[in-house]
Amino acid sequence: MRVDGPTDHSNLRVMSTDECLTRLASSAIGRVGFVCDGEVLVLPVHHVIRGTEVYFRTAGGSKIEAASDHSPMGFEVDGHDDSTHADSAPAGWSVTVTGAASVVDDDELVSELEHLHGSDWLVGDPDAQVWIGLRSHTIAGRELLV
């Protein structure tokens, strides 16, 4: 295996921030992770990327509660290519974002996010949902190449 660019201690290729943002935007579904009542929760969400920030809408109380407190939150998107699975592991990648969550209360931003998000992914009553923003502190990605 020949890897172009830097690798980490596990020989995974380290992705640039721009490549991480491209990969984040390439998937409509990711996972948010946060602590609620002393337990770590990881939940799937539909999301959009705006600049270096991740946004998702939810009616879920635990995510809103975490965002209202500006709590730390993690976000992850990954992918793999099963067609490369011959005698070795499939090629795959993972991008993580960590930062502080907050409820979006700017009407102009909400309108922009709804335009970016589209209505195809709406589940439930959109009037009962709020947008949560994750202001990134770190964005990191790794790729396994075969």
Protein backbone atom coordinates (compact mmCIF):
# COMPACT_ATOMS: atom_id res chain seq x y z
CA MET A 1 0.00 0.00 0.00
CA ARG A 2 1.35 3.42 -0.98
CA VAL A 3 -0.07 6.38 0.92
CA ASP A 4 0.32 9.95 -0.35
CA GLY A 5 0.44 12.51 2.42
CA PRO A 6 0.85 12.22 6.17
CA THR A 7 -0.16 9.14 8.14
CA ASP A 8 -0.94 8.61 11.81
CA HIS A 9 0.55 6.01 14.18
CA SER A 10 -1.76 3.34 12.71
CA ASN A 11 -0.66 4.12 9.14
CA LEU A 12 -4.03 5.69 8.31
CA ARG A 13 -3.88 8.62 5.90
CA VAL A 14 -4.58 11.93 7.61
CA MET A 15 -7.09 14.00 5.62
CA SER A 16 -6.80 17.76 5.22
CA THR A 17 -9.48 20.02 6.70
CA ASP A 18 -10.84 20.79 3.22
CA GLU A 19 -11.10 17.08 2.42
CA CYS A 20 -12.82 16.48 5.78
CA LEU A 21 -15.39 19.18 5.01
CA THR A 22 -16.02 17.66 1.58
CA ARG A 23 -16.56 14.23 3.13
CA LEU A 24 -18.85 15.67 5.81
CA ALA A 25 -20.98 17.33 3.13
CA SER A 26 -21.04 14.15 1.02
CA SER A 27 -23.20 12.26 3.50
CA ALA A 28 -26.66 13.34 4.59
CA ILE A 29 -26.60 11.24 7.76
CA GLY A 30 -24.13 11.47 10.60
CA ARG A 31 -24.05 10.79 14.32
CA VAL A 32 -23.97 13.24 17.22
CA GLY A 33 -22.47 12.24 20.53
CA PHE A 34 -22.99 14.01 23.85
CA VAL A 35 -23.48 13.35 27.55
CA CYS A 36 -27.02 13.34 28.96
CA ASP A 37 -27.77 12.51 32.59
CA GLY A 38 -24.27 11.07 33.00
CA GLU A 39 -24.61 8.71 30.02
CA VAL A 40 -22.94 9.03 26.62
CA LEU A 41 -25.53 9.12 23.82
CA VAL A 42 -24.75 8.68 20.12
CA LEU A 43 -27.70 9.36 17.83
CA PRO A 44 -28.16 9.53 14.05
CA VAL A 45 -29.14 12.87 12.52
CA HIS A 46 -29.61 14.38 9.07
CA HIS A 47 -27.24 17.32 8.79
CA VAL A 48 -25.91 20.14 6.66
CA ILE A 49 -22.50 21.76 6.62
CA ARG A 50 -22.12 25.53 6.48
CA GLY A 51 -18.51 26.66 6.50
CA THR A 52 -16.87 24.63 9.25
CA GLU A 53 -20.04 24.22 11.30
CA VAL A 54 -22.42 21.26 11.42
CA TYR A 55 -26.17 21.87 11.73
CA PHE A 56 -29.06 19.49 12.31
CA ARG A 57 -32.69 19.85 13.31
CA THR A 58 -34.34 17.92 16.06
CA ALA A 59 -37.36 17.72 18.31
CA GLY A 60 -35.39 15.49 20.70
CA GLY A 61 -35.24 16.93 24.20
CA SER A 62 -31.81 15.56 25.13
CA LYS A 63 -30.08 17.15 22.12
CA ILE A 64 -31.86 20.46 22.69
CA GLU A 65 -30.96 20.36 26.37
CA ALA A 66 -27.29 19.74 25.57
CA ALA A 67 -27.28 22.57 23.01
CA SER A 68 -29.06 24.97 25.37
CA ASP A 69 -26.23 24.47 27.84
CA HIS A 70 -23.56 24.95 25.12
CA SER A 71 -22.34 21.49 26.05
CA PRO A 72 -19.49 19.74 24.27
CA MET A 73 -20.73 17.62 21.39
CA GLY A 74 -19.11 15.34 18.86
CA PHE A 75 -20.19 14.56 15.33
CA GLU A 76 -19.03 11.78 13.03
CA VAL A 77 -19.55 10.69 9.43
CA ASP A 78 -17.90 7.69 7.82
CA GLY A 79 -17.96 5.65 4.66
CA HIS A 80 -16.40 2.60 3.07
CA ASP A 81 -16.05 0.86 -0.25
CA ASP A 82 -17.00 -2.83 -0.12
CA SER A 83 -15.78 -3.34 -3.68
CA THR A 84 -12.19 -3.15 -2.43
CA HIS A 85 -12.74 -6.07 -0.06
CA ALA A 86 -10.72 -8.81 -1.74
CA ASP A 87 -8.14 -10.41 0.55
CA SER A 88 -7.88 -7.33 2.74
CA ALA A 89 -10.13 -4.95 4.63
CA PRO A 90 -12.32 -2.56 2.64
CA ALA A 91 -11.13 0.99 2.11
CA GLY A 92 -12.87 3.36 4.47
CA TRP A 93 -12.78 6.78 6.06
CA SER A 94 -14.05 8.64 9.09
CA VAL A 95 -14.37 12.35 9.87
CA THR A 96 -15.03 13.68 13.36
CA VAL A 97 -15.95 17.15 14.55
CA THR A 98 -15.85 18.28 18.16
CA GLY A 99 -17.11 21.54 19.53
CA ALA A 100 -19.79 23.34 21.47
CA ALA A 101 -23.45 22.98 20.58
CA SER A 102 -26.03 25.74 20.63
CA VAL A 103 -29.63 26.26 19.60
CA VAL A 104 -29.91 28.37 16.44
CA ASP A 105 -32.16 31.33 17.15
CA ASP A 106 -31.25 33.59 14.21
CA ASP A 107 -34.23 33.62 11.79
CA GLU A 108 -32.06 34.39 8.73
CA LEU A 109 -29.74 31.50 9.51
CA VAL A 110 -32.69 29.16 10.11
CA SER A 111 -34.09 30.12 6.71
CA GLU A 112 -30.73 29.47 5.04
CA LEU A 113 -30.37 26.11 6.79
CA GLU A 114 -33.87 25.05 5.78
CA HIS A 115 -33.01 25.91 2.18
CA LEU A 116 -29.78 23.89 2.38
CA HIS A 117 -31.49 21.01 4.15
CA GLY A 118 -34.51 20.62 1.91
CA SER A 119 -37.70 18.90 2.96
CA ASP A 120 -36.81 15.36 1.86
CA TRP A 121 -35.29 14.57 5.25
CA LEU A 122 -38.01 15.99 7.49
CA VAL A 123 -39.38 13.56 10.03
CA GLY A 124 -42.27 14.70 12.17
CA ASP A 125 -43.65 18.19 12.58
CA PRO A 126 -41.09 20.79 11.41
CA ASP A 127 -42.73 23.41 13.65
CA ALA A 128 -41.85 21.28 16.69
CA GLN A 129 -38.17 21.12 15.71
CA VAL A 130 -35.24 23.41 16.34
CA TRP A 131 -31.90 23.73 14.61
CA ILE A 132 -28.77 22.86 16.57
CA GLY A 133 -25.39 24.19 15.51
CA LEU A 134 -22.06 22.61 16.36
CA ARG A 135 -19.31 25.22 16.26
CA SER A 136 -16.23 23.17 15.47
CA HIS A 137 -13.16 23.25 17.68
CA THR A 138 -11.52 20.34 15.87
CA ILE A 139 -12.12 18.64 12.54
CA ALA A 140 -10.14 15.48 11.87
CA GLY A 141 -10.31 12.70 9.33
CA ARG A 142 -8.55 9.44 8.64
CA GLU A 143 -8.68 7.12 5.67
CA LEU A 144 -7.80 3.44 5.41
CA LEU A 145 -6.45 2.66 1.98
CA VAL A 146 -5.99 -0.84 0.61
